[in-house]
Amino acid sequence: MERLKGKVAFITGVARGQGRAHAVRLASEGADIVGIDICENIDSMNYPLSSEADLAETVKLVEQQGRKMIGVKGDVRSREQLASAIDRGMKELGRLDIVVANAGIIAGKADTYMASGFVEVSDIDLIGAMNTVAASLPHLKEGASIIITGSTAGMMKGMTENVGVATGGAAYGWSKRILISYVETLALQLAPYMVRLNGVHPTNCNTHLLHNVDVYRAFRPDLENPTREDAMPVLPLMQAMPIPFIEPEDISALIAFLASDDGRYITGLNIRVDAGALLKTPPTER
């Protein structure tokens, strides 16, 4: 299908994981892509982030779909860098129709100063998403679709209330929780302009953000340095369906739908792709 033929999408965190899957899926449906990724490591994280080689691979995969892609090294904490990437896309591709605010991290190293992990994660996961929307809005016209990647973790109790949770983990849950109300509130403001805004909230997803020692420790607190093999038996306990995690392409399918005219009257929703995880864990009160 070419539901997105002639459209241009801007995707953050595009070099690998969910961002790469979204770029390839939207390209397969006819969209050209502008993508940005930090392509360097962050000190507070225990796992490596993407590289410029990863970004180049995403560009290659999009081009194999017969579409154009502009890949830019940049940081979502900088609204100026986001705006510069979008301006380049407008100059070379002429329009912007779809925005996917996908970039995110979860940090687990010990704080270098007071609650520094909380600040660093929320700057990327929350402020980074808001920066992405802010930089995009001047270029969007009627029919545009904005999609923000949240997390089922933002809907669950215990992610921010427990002082035993590492500050980076607390910031992850808090940021995703705030994005829920951000989506609902801003969607109402954008509706008169026929611009849509929705949130997509995955459960555990088969990416580097899940597969690192910090997240494994959350599932195996009995072990100091749990491995993937240690975590795999308990990962299915989070979902109602007996699976350890979903795949990035499962999220991409929903994003392609929300970006297309098939979802032209869907706005302000926070949609879970969680294999029933929230049915097992009581939701937080908002």
C-alpha atoms as a PDB file:
ATOM      1  CA  MET A   1       0.000   0.000   0.000  1.00  0.00           C
ATOM      2  CA  GLU A   2       1.023   3.603  -0.515  1.00  0.00           C
ATOM      3  CA  ARG A   3      -1.195   5.337   2.014  1.00  0.00           C
ATOM      4  CA  LEU A   4       1.509   7.953   2.591  1.00  0.00           C
ATOM      5  CA  LYS A   5       2.512   8.644  -1.014  1.00  0.00           C
ATOM      6  CA  GLY A   6       3.755  12.190  -1.466  1.00  0.00           C
ATOM      7  CA  LYS A   7       4.099  12.840   2.273  1.00  0.00           C
ATOM      8  CA  VAL A   8       7.190  13.684   4.331  1.00  0.00           C
ATOM      9  CA  ALA A   9       7.797  12.425   7.869  1.00  0.00           C
ATOM     10  CA  PHE A  10      10.156  13.780  10.523  1.00  0.00           C
ATOM     11  CA  ILE A  11      11.307  11.103  13.003  1.00  0.00           C
ATOM     12  CA  THR A  12      13.538  11.498  16.052  1.00  0.00           C
ATOM     13  CA  GLY A  13      15.696   8.688  17.410  1.00  0.00           C
ATOM     14  CA  VAL A  14      15.752   7.307  13.889  1.00  0.00           C
ATOM     15  CA  ALA A  15      19.126   5.552  13.769  1.00  0.00           C
ATOM     16  CA  ARG A  16      18.005   2.230  15.211  1.00  0.00           C
ATOM     17  CA  GLY A  17      15.285   0.469  17.218  1.00  0.00           C
ATOM     18  CA  GLN A  18      11.750   1.789  16.968  1.00  0.00           C
ATOM     19  CA  GLY A  19      12.823   4.900  15.073  1.00  0.00           C
ATOM     20  CA  ARG A  20      14.451   2.876  12.317  1.00  0.00           C
ATOM     21  CA  ALA A  21      11.442   0.562  12.086  1.00  0.00           C
ATOM     22  CA  HIS A  22       9.121   3.568  11.779  1.00  0.00           C
ATOM     23  CA  ALA A  23      11.246   5.123   9.030  1.00  0.00           C
ATOM     24  CA  VAL A  24      11.288   1.924   6.994  1.00  0.00           C
ATOM     25  CA  ARG A  25       7.553   1.306   7.448  1.00  0.00           C
ATOM     26  CA  LEU A  26       6.529   4.855   6.534  1.00  0.00           C
ATOM     27  CA  ALA A  27       8.859   4.753   3.531  1.00  0.00           C
ATOM     28  CA  SER A  28       7.310   1.456   2.433  1.00  0.00           C
ATOM     29  CA  GLU A  29       3.976   3.279   2.371  1.00  0.00           C
ATOM     30  CA  GLY A  30       5.315   6.087   0.195  1.00  0.00           C
ATOM     31  CA  ALA A  31       6.720   8.718   2.574  1.00  0.00           C
ATOM     32  CA  ASP A  32      10.074  10.442   2.322  1.00  0.00           C
ATOM     33  CA  ILE A  33      11.892  10.760   5.645  1.00  0.00           C
ATOM     34  CA  VAL A  34      13.784  13.390   7.578  1.00  0.00           C
ATOM     35  CA  GLY A  35      15.413  11.777  10.594  1.00  0.00           C
ATOM     36  CA  ILE A  36      17.549  12.932  13.493  1.00  0.00           C
ATOM     37  CA  ASP A  37      19.549  11.018  16.083  1.00  0.00           C
ATOM     38  CA  ILE A  38      22.179  11.964  18.647  1.00  0.00           C
ATOM     39  CA  CYS A  39      24.674   9.342  17.355  1.00  0.00           C
ATOM     40  CA  GLU A  40      26.838   9.535  20.464  1.00  0.00           C
ATOM     41  CA  ASN A  41      26.800   8.188  23.994  1.00  0.00           C
ATOM     42  CA  ILE A  42      25.448   9.874  27.128  1.00  0.00           C
ATOM     43  CA  ASP A  43      27.471   9.585  30.327  1.00  0.00           C
ATOM     44  CA  SER A  44      24.606   8.564  32.604  1.00  0.00           C
ATOM     45  CA  MET A  45      23.701   5.521  30.514  1.00  0.00           C
ATOM     46  CA  ASN A  46      25.035   2.011  30.924  1.00  0.00           C
ATOM     47  CA  TYR A  47      24.406   1.019  27.325  1.00  0.00           C
ATOM     48  CA  PRO A  48      25.714   2.543  24.080  1.00  0.00           C
ATOM     49  CA  LEU A  49      23.485   4.753  21.994  1.00  0.00           C
ATOM     50  CA  SER A  50      23.367   4.813  18.227  1.00  0.00           C
ATOM     51  CA  SER A  51      26.279   5.701  15.972  1.00  0.00           C
ATOM     52  CA  GLU A  52      26.588   7.592  12.726  1.00  0.00           C
ATOM     53  CA  ALA A  53      26.981   4.189  11.057  1.00  0.00           C
ATOM     54  CA  ASP A  54      23.575   3.202  12.476  1.00  0.00           C
ATOM     55  CA  LEU A  55      22.056   6.370  11.022  1.00  0.00           C
ATOM     56  CA  ALA A  56      23.639   5.645   7.645  1.00  0.00           C
ATOM     57  CA  GLU A  57      22.150   2.144   7.742  1.00  0.00           C
ATOM     58  CA  THR A  58      18.669   3.569   8.339  1.00  0.00           C
ATOM     59  CA  VAL A  59      19.136   5.885   5.348  1.00  0.00           C
ATOM     60  CA  LYS A  60      20.160   2.889   3.247  1.00  0.00           C
ATOM     61  CA  LEU A  61      17.118   0.871   4.324  1.00  0.00           C
ATOM     62  CA  VAL A  62      14.756   3.732   3.507  1.00  0.00           C
ATOM     63  CA  GLU A  63      16.360   4.198   0.091  1.00  0.00           C
ATOM     64  CA  GLN A  64      15.876   0.479  -0.553  1.00  0.00           C
ATOM     65  CA  GLN A  65      12.154   1.226  -0.264  1.00  0.00           C
ATOM     66  CA  GLY A  66      12.543   3.656  -3.163  1.00  0.00           C
ATOM     67  CA  ARG A  67      12.168   6.763  -0.991  1.00  0.00           C
ATOM     68  CA  LYS A  68      14.433   9.659  -0.041  1.00  0.00           C
ATOM     69  CA  MET A  69      15.860  10.182   3.427  1.00  0.00           C
ATOM     70  CA  ILE A  70      17.784  13.030   5.008  1.00  0.00           C
ATOM     71  CA  GLY A  71      19.646  11.759   8.068  1.00  0.00           C
ATOM     72  CA  VAL A  72      20.897  14.387  10.513  1.00  0.00           C
ATOM     73  CA  LYS A  73      23.061  14.064  13.622  1.00  0.00           C
ATOM     74  CA  GLY A  74      21.379  16.115  16.333  1.00  0.00           C
ATOM     75  CA  ASP A  75      20.098  16.254  19.896  1.00  0.00           C
ATOM     76  CA  VAL A  76      16.402  16.594  20.761  1.00  0.00           C
ATOM     77  CA  ARG A  77      17.378  18.648  23.803  1.00  0.00           C
ATOM     78  CA  SER A  78      18.250  21.426  21.349  1.00  0.00           C
ATOM     79  CA  ARG A  79      15.224  23.022  19.718  1.00  0.00           C
ATOM     80  CA  GLU A  80      17.628  24.828  17.400  1.00  0.00           C
ATOM     81  CA  GLN A  81      19.110  21.547  16.112  1.00  0.00           C
ATOM     82  CA  LEU A  82      15.629  20.142  15.565  1.00  0.00           C
ATOM     83  CA  ALA A  83      14.543  23.262  13.698  1.00  0.00           C
ATOM     84  CA  SER A  84      17.675  23.124  11.545  1.00  0.00           C
ATOM     85  CA  ALA A  85      16.963  19.515  10.549  1.00  0.00           C
ATOM     86  CA  ILE A  86      13.355  20.346   9.701  1.00  0.00           C
ATOM     87  CA  ASP A  87      14.410  23.417   7.719  1.00  0.00           C
ATOM     88  CA  ARG A  88      16.756  21.243   5.675  1.00  0.00           C
ATOM     89  CA  GLY A  89      13.932  18.817   5.034  1.00  0.00           C
ATOM     90  CA  MET A  90      11.618  21.623   3.952  1.00  0.00           C
ATOM     91  CA  LYS A  91      14.260  22.962   1.589  1.00  0.00           C
ATOM     92  CA  GLU A  92      15.022  19.596  -0.017  1.00  0.00           C
ATOM     93  CA  LEU A  93      11.644  17.846   0.199  1.00  0.00           C
ATOM     94  CA  GLY A  94       9.246  20.795   0.276  1.00  0.00           C
ATOM     95  CA  ARG A  95       6.785  19.848   3.001  1.00  0.00           C
ATOM     96  CA  LEU A  96       6.158  18.233   6.382  1.00  0.00           C
ATOM     97  CA  ASP A  97       3.123  16.041   7.013  1.00  0.00           C
ATOM     98  CA  ILE A  98       4.039  13.568   9.758  1.00  0.00           C
ATOM     99  CA  VAL A  99       5.980  14.013  12.993  1.00  0.00           C
ATOM    100  CA  VAL A 100       7.083  11.061  15.116  1.00  0.00           C
ATOM    101  CA  ALA A 101       8.635  12.156  18.428  1.00  0.00           C
ATOM    102  CA  ASN A 102      10.297   8.852  19.228  1.00  0.00           C
ATOM    103  CA  ALA A 103      13.701   9.584  20.809  1.00  0.00           C
ATOM    104  CA  GLY A 104      14.094   8.371  24.376  1.00  0.00           C
ATOM    105  CA  ILE A 105      16.518   6.893  26.902  1.00  0.00           C
ATOM    106  CA  ILE A 106      16.524   5.244  30.294  1.00  0.00           C
ATOM    107  CA  ALA A 107      19.563   5.945  32.460  1.00  0.00           C
ATOM    108  CA  GLY A 108      20.867   3.825  35.304  1.00  0.00           C
ATOM    109  CA  LYS A 109      24.346   4.933  36.343  1.00  0.00           C
ATOM    110  CA  ALA A 110      24.824   6.510  39.753  1.00  0.00           C
ATOM    111  CA  ASP A 111      24.061  10.221  39.797  1.00  0.00           C
ATOM    112  CA  THR A 112      27.118  12.436  39.372  1.00  0.00           C
ATOM    113  CA  TYR A 113      25.275  15.179  41.249  1.00  0.00           C
ATOM    114  CA  MET A 114      21.905  15.479  42.971  1.00  0.00           C
ATOM    115  CA  ALA A 115      19.279  13.516  40.951  1.00  0.00           C
ATOM    116  CA  SER A 116      21.215  14.208  37.744  1.00  0.00           C
ATOM    117  CA  GLY A 117      19.857  11.049  36.140  1.00  0.00           C
ATOM    118  CA  PHE A 118      16.311  12.342  36.593  1.00  0.00           C
ATOM    119  CA  VAL A 119      17.179  15.624  34.908  1.00  0.00           C
ATOM    120  CA  GLU A 120      18.999  14.016  32.000  1.00  0.00           C
ATOM    121  CA  VAL A 121      16.281  11.491  31.198  1.00  0.00           C
ATOM    122  CA  SER A 122      13.402  13.969  31.501  1.00  0.00           C
ATOM    123  CA  ASP A 123      15.277  16.477  29.329  1.00  0.00           C
ATOM    124  CA  ILE A 124      15.287  13.905  26.519  1.00  0.00           C
ATOM    125  CA  ASP A 125      12.137  11.857  27.054  1.00  0.00           C
ATOM    126  CA  LEU A 126       9.785  14.721  27.944  1.00  0.00           C
ATOM    127  CA  ILE A 127      11.329  18.034  26.897  1.00  0.00           C
ATOM    128  CA  GLY A 128      12.803  16.415  23.786  1.00  0.00           C
ATOM    129  CA  ALA A 129       9.344  15.328  22.629  1.00  0.00           C
ATOM    130  CA  MET A 130       7.920  18.765  23.340  1.00  0.00           C
ATOM    131  CA  ASN A 131      10.819  20.406  21.489  1.00  0.00           C
ATOM    132  CA  THR A 132      10.129  18.162  18.505  1.00  0.00           C
ATOM    133  CA  VAL A 133       6.495  19.230  18.380  1.00  0.00           C
ATOM    134  CA  ALA A 134       7.379  22.904  18.862  1.00  0.00           C
ATOM    135  CA  ALA A 135       9.953  22.876  16.058  1.00  0.00           C
ATOM    136  CA  SER A 136       7.519  21.122  13.711  1.00  0.00           C
ATOM    137  CA  LEU A 137       4.320  23.106  14.253  1.00  0.00           C
ATOM    138  CA  PRO A 138       5.191  26.111  12.039  1.00  0.00           C
ATOM    139  CA  HIS A 139       5.473  23.779   9.046  1.00  0.00           C
ATOM    140  CA  LEU A 140       2.352  21.665   9.525  1.00  0.00           C
ATOM    141  CA  LYS A 141      -0.850  22.153   7.571  1.00  0.00           C
ATOM    142  CA  GLU A 142      -4.339  20.672   7.573  1.00  0.00           C
ATOM    143  CA  GLY A 143      -4.225  16.882   7.619  1.00  0.00           C
ATOM    144  CA  ALA A 144      -0.892  16.633   9.420  1.00  0.00           C
ATOM    145  CA  SER A 145      -0.355  13.944  12.048  1.00  0.00           C
ATOM    146  CA  ILE A 146       1.883  14.106  15.133  1.00  0.00           C
ATOM    147  CA  ILE A 147       2.640  10.913  17.047  1.00  0.00           C
ATOM    148  CA  ILE A 148       4.507  10.773  20.352  1.00  0.00           C
ATOM    149  CA  THR A 149       6.105   7.610  21.711  1.00  0.00           C
ATOM    150  CA  GLY A 150       5.189   7.138  25.352  1.00  0.00           C
ATOM    151  CA  SER A 151       5.300   3.931  27.352  1.00  0.00           C
ATOM    152  CA  THR A 152       2.935   1.696  29.241  1.00  0.00           C
ATOM    153  CA  ALA A 153       5.298   2.335  32.166  1.00  0.00           C
ATOM    154  CA  GLY A 154       3.911   5.854  32.363  1.00  0.00           C
ATOM    155  CA  MET A 155       0.474   4.418  33.107  1.00  0.00           C
ATOM    156  CA  MET A 156       1.516   2.062  35.903  1.00  0.00           C
ATOM    157  CA  LYS A 157       1.710   2.706  39.619  1.00  0.00           C
ATOM    158  CA  GLY A 158       5.062   2.467  41.324  1.00  0.00           C
ATOM    159  CA  MET A 159       7.246   3.917  38.582  1.00  0.00           C
ATOM    160  CA  THR A 160       7.686   7.283  40.301  1.00  0.00           C
ATOM    161  CA  GLU A 161       6.288   6.739  43.802  1.00  0.00           C
ATOM    162  CA  ASN A 162       8.957   4.296  44.968  1.00  0.00           C
ATOM    163  CA  VAL A 163      12.134   6.017  46.180  1.00  0.00           C
ATOM    164  CA  GLY A 164      13.957   2.749  45.578  1.00  0.00           C
ATOM    165  CA  VAL A 165      13.632   3.258  41.818  1.00  0.00           C
ATOM    166  CA  ALA A 166      16.792   4.732  40.268  1.00  0.00           C
ATOM    167  CA  THR A 167      16.341   8.403  39.446  1.00  0.00           C
ATOM    168  CA  GLY A 168      16.698   7.719  35.711  1.00  0.00           C
ATOM    169  CA  GLY A 169      13.978   5.080  35.897  1.00  0.00           C
ATOM    170  CA  ALA A 170      11.705   7.386  37.866  1.00  0.00           C
ATOM    171  CA  ALA A 171      12.259  10.115  35.283  1.00  0.00           C
ATOM    172  CA  TYR A 172      11.373   7.703  32.486  1.00  0.00           C
ATOM    173  CA  GLY A 173       8.044   6.781  34.077  1.00  0.00           C
ATOM    174  CA  TRP A 174       7.277  10.391  35.049  1.00  0.00           C
ATOM    175  CA  SER A 175       8.107  11.746  31.591  1.00  0.00           C
ATOM    176  CA  LYS A 176       5.899   9.203  29.865  1.00  0.00           C
ATOM    177  CA  ARG A 177       3.114   9.936  32.365  1.00  0.00           C
ATOM    178  CA  ILE A 178       3.234  13.685  31.672  1.00  0.00           C
ATOM    179  CA  LEU A 179       3.177  13.040  27.922  1.00  0.00           C
ATOM    180  CA  ILE A 180      -0.246  11.427  28.309  1.00  0.00           C
ATOM    181  CA  SER A 181      -1.872  14.673  29.448  1.00  0.00           C
ATOM    182  CA  TYR A 182       0.270  16.667  27.003  1.00  0.00           C
ATOM    183  CA  VAL A 183      -1.195  14.659  24.120  1.00  0.00           C
ATOM    184  CA  GLU A 184      -4.770  15.119  25.306  1.00  0.00           C
ATOM    185  CA  THR A 185      -4.429  18.832  26.037  1.00  0.00           C
ATOM    186  CA  LEU A 186      -2.494  19.900  22.937  1.00  0.00           C
ATOM    187  CA  ALA A 187      -4.643  17.729  20.648  1.00  0.00           C
ATOM    188  CA  LEU A 188      -7.632  19.832  21.655  1.00  0.00           C
ATOM    189  CA  GLN A 189      -5.746  23.015  20.763  1.00  0.00           C
ATOM    190  CA  LEU A 190      -4.700  21.629  17.372  1.00  0.00           C
ATOM    191  CA  ALA A 191      -8.063  20.143  16.411  1.00  0.00           C
ATOM    192  CA  PRO A 192      -9.500  23.383  14.908  1.00  0.00           C
ATOM    193  CA  TYR A 193      -6.563  23.370  12.483  1.00  0.00           C
ATOM    194  CA  MET A 194      -7.258  19.744  11.472  1.00  0.00           C
ATOM    195  CA  VAL A 195      -3.869  18.685  12.819  1.00  0.00           C
ATOM    196  CA  ARG A 196      -3.939  15.462  14.830  1.00  0.00           C
ATOM    197  CA  LEU A 197      -1.860  14.444  17.858  1.00  0.00           C
ATOM    198  CA  ASN A 198      -1.807  10.987  19.395  1.00  0.00           C
ATOM    199  CA  GLY A 199       0.364   9.007  21.789  1.00  0.00           C
ATOM    200  CA  VAL A 200       1.501   5.423  21.291  1.00  0.00           C
ATOM    201  CA  HIS A 201       2.478   3.485  24.417  1.00  0.00           C
ATOM    202  CA  PRO A 202       4.427   0.242  24.024  1.00  0.00           C
ATOM    203  CA  THR A 203       5.093  -2.382  26.636  1.00  0.00           C
ATOM    204  CA  ASN A 204       8.573  -3.949  26.686  1.00  0.00           C
ATOM    205  CA  CYS A 205       9.903  -3.616  23.154  1.00  0.00           C
ATOM    206  CA  ASN A 206      12.768  -5.568  21.606  1.00  0.00           C
ATOM    207  CA  THR A 207      15.300  -2.717  21.425  1.00  0.00           C
ATOM    208  CA  HIS A 208      18.447  -1.585  23.218  1.00  0.00           C
ATOM    209  CA  LEU A 209      16.330   0.390  25.696  1.00  0.00           C
ATOM    210  CA  LEU A 210      14.993  -2.919  27.032  1.00  0.00           C
ATOM    211  CA  HIS A 211      18.071  -5.037  26.564  1.00  0.00           C
ATOM    212  CA  ASN A 212      20.501  -3.522  29.019  1.00  0.00           C
ATOM    213  CA  VAL A 213      21.600  -4.341  32.544  1.00  0.00           C
ATOM    214  CA  ASP A 214      19.631  -1.516  34.176  1.00  0.00           C
ATOM    215  CA  VAL A 215      16.287  -2.790  32.914  1.00  0.00           C
ATOM    216  CA  TYR A 216      17.272  -6.393  33.577  1.00  0.00           C
ATOM    217  CA  ARG A 217      17.907  -5.425  37.211  1.00  0.00           C
ATOM    218  CA  ALA A 218      14.339  -4.149  37.492  1.00  0.00           C
ATOM    219  CA  PHE A 219      13.127  -7.627  36.537  1.00  0.00           C
ATOM    220  CA  ARG A 220      15.822  -9.523  38.460  1.00  0.00           C
ATOM    221  CA  PRO A 221      16.549  -7.470  41.604  1.00  0.00           C
ATOM    222  CA  ASP A 222      17.954 -10.623  43.168  1.00  0.00           C
ATOM    223  CA  LEU A 223      20.990 -10.466  40.847  1.00  0.00           C
ATOM    224  CA  GLU A 224      23.709  -7.813  40.799  1.00  0.00           C
ATOM    225  CA  ASN A 225      24.475  -8.093  37.089  1.00  0.00           C
ATOM    226  CA  PRO A 226      21.660 -10.016  35.396  1.00  0.00           C
ATOM    227  CA  THR A 227      22.025 -11.032  31.776  1.00  0.00           C
ATOM    228  CA  ARG A 228      19.464 -11.339  29.029  1.00  0.00           C
ATOM    229  CA  GLU A 229      19.257 -15.044  29.771  1.00  0.00           C
ATOM    230  CA  ASP A 230      18.480 -14.233  33.401  1.00  0.00           C
ATOM    231  CA  ALA A 231      15.730 -11.764  32.454  1.00  0.00           C
ATOM    232  CA  MET A 232      13.993 -13.709  29.699  1.00  0.00           C
ATOM    233  CA  PRO A 233      12.043 -16.095  31.980  1.00  0.00           C
ATOM    234  CA  VAL A 234      10.486 -13.204  33.926  1.00  0.00           C
ATOM    235  CA  LEU A 235       9.886 -10.685  31.104  1.00  0.00           C
ATOM    236  CA  PRO A 236       6.585 -12.393  30.137  1.00  0.00           C
ATOM    237  CA  LEU A 237       5.214 -11.754  33.617  1.00  0.00           C
ATOM    238  CA  MET A 238       4.605  -8.108  32.723  1.00  0.00           C
ATOM    239  CA  GLN A 239       2.138  -8.861  29.922  1.00  0.00           C
ATOM    240  CA  ALA A 240      -1.204 -10.664  30.025  1.00  0.00           C
ATOM    241  CA  MET A 241      -0.259 -12.386  26.787  1.00  0.00           C
ATOM    242  CA  PRO A 242       2.584 -14.873  27.339  1.00  0.00           C
ATOM    243  CA  ILE A 243       5.274 -12.976  25.435  1.00  0.00           C
ATOM    244  CA  PRO A 244       8.502 -11.359  26.702  1.00  0.00           C
ATOM    245  CA  PHE A 245       8.238  -8.268  24.502  1.00  0.00           C
ATOM    246  CA  ILE A 246       6.777  -6.827  21.323  1.00  0.00           C
ATOM    247  CA  GLU A 247       8.774  -5.930  18.209  1.00  0.00           C
ATOM    248  CA  PRO A 248       9.437  -2.379  16.941  1.00  0.00           C
ATOM    249  CA  GLU A 249       7.464  -3.213  13.811  1.00  0.00           C
ATOM    250  CA  ASP A 250       4.355  -3.760  15.961  1.00  0.00           C
ATOM    251  CA  ILE A 251       4.509  -0.072  16.901  1.00  0.00           C
ATOM    252  CA  SER A 252       5.354   0.975  13.344  1.00  0.00           C
ATOM    253  CA  ALA A 253       2.137  -0.584  12.077  1.00  0.00           C
ATOM    254  CA  LEU A 254       0.078   1.612  14.394  1.00  0.00           C
ATOM    255  CA  ILE A 255       2.106   4.704  13.554  1.00  0.00           C
ATOM    256  CA  ALA A 256       1.578   4.154   9.826  1.00  0.00           C
ATOM    257  CA  PHE A 257      -2.165   3.948  10.441  1.00  0.00           C
ATOM    258  CA  LEU A 258      -2.269   7.089  12.576  1.00  0.00           C
ATOM    259  CA  ALA A 259      -0.141   8.962  10.030  1.00  0.00           C
ATOM    260  CA  SER A 260      -2.430   8.038   7.150  1.00  0.00           C
ATOM    261  CA  ASP A 261      -5.834   9.317   6.125  1.00  0.00           C
ATOM    262  CA  ASP A 262      -7.298   6.111   7.563  1.00  0.00           C
ATOM    263  CA  GLY A 263      -6.872   7.787  10.942  1.00  0.00           C
ATOM    264  CA  ARG A 264      -7.936  11.253   9.833  1.00  0.00           C
ATOM    265  CA  TYR A 265     -10.441  11.720  12.672  1.00  0.00           C
ATOM    266  CA  ILE A 266      -8.424  10.080  15.427  1.00  0.00           C
ATOM    267  CA  THR A 267      -6.824  12.608  17.754  1.00  0.00           C
ATOM    268  CA  GLY A 268      -6.033  13.018  21.435  1.00  0.00           C
ATOM    269  CA  LEU A 269      -5.779   9.269  22.051  1.00  0.00           C
ATOM    270  CA  ASN A 270      -3.149   7.464  24.095  1.00  0.00           C
ATOM    271  CA  ILE A 271      -3.089   4.005  22.574  1.00  0.00           C
ATOM    272  CA  ARG A 272      -1.455   1.052  24.296  1.00  0.00           C
ATOM    273  CA  VAL A 273       0.341  -1.675  22.402  1.00  0.00           C
ATOM    274  CA  ASP A 274       1.023  -3.660  25.521  1.00  0.00           C
ATOM    275  CA  ALA A 275      -0.169  -7.266  25.106  1.00  0.00           C
ATOM    276  CA  GLY A 276      -2.516  -6.655  28.035  1.00  0.00           C
ATOM    277  CA  ALA A 277       0.158  -5.380  30.454  1.00  0.00           C
ATOM    278  CA  LEU A 278      -2.065  -2.707  31.963  1.00  0.00           C
ATOM    279  CA  LEU A 279      -4.801  -5.262  32.505  1.00  0.00           C
ATOM    280  CA  LYS A 280      -2.448  -6.987  34.948  1.00  0.00           C
ATOM    281  CA  THR A 281      -1.040  -3.892  36.694  1.00  0.00           C
ATOM    282  CA  PRO A 282      -3.309  -1.263  38.230  1.00  0.00           C
ATOM    283  CA  PRO A 283      -3.082   2.041  36.345  1.00  0.00           C
ATOM    284  CA  THR A 284      -1.896   5.173  38.045  1.00  0.00           C
ATOM    285  CA  GLU A 285      -4.421   7.826  38.927  1.00  0.00           C
ATOM    286  CA  ARG A 286      -4.165  11.027  36.920  1.00  0.00           C
END
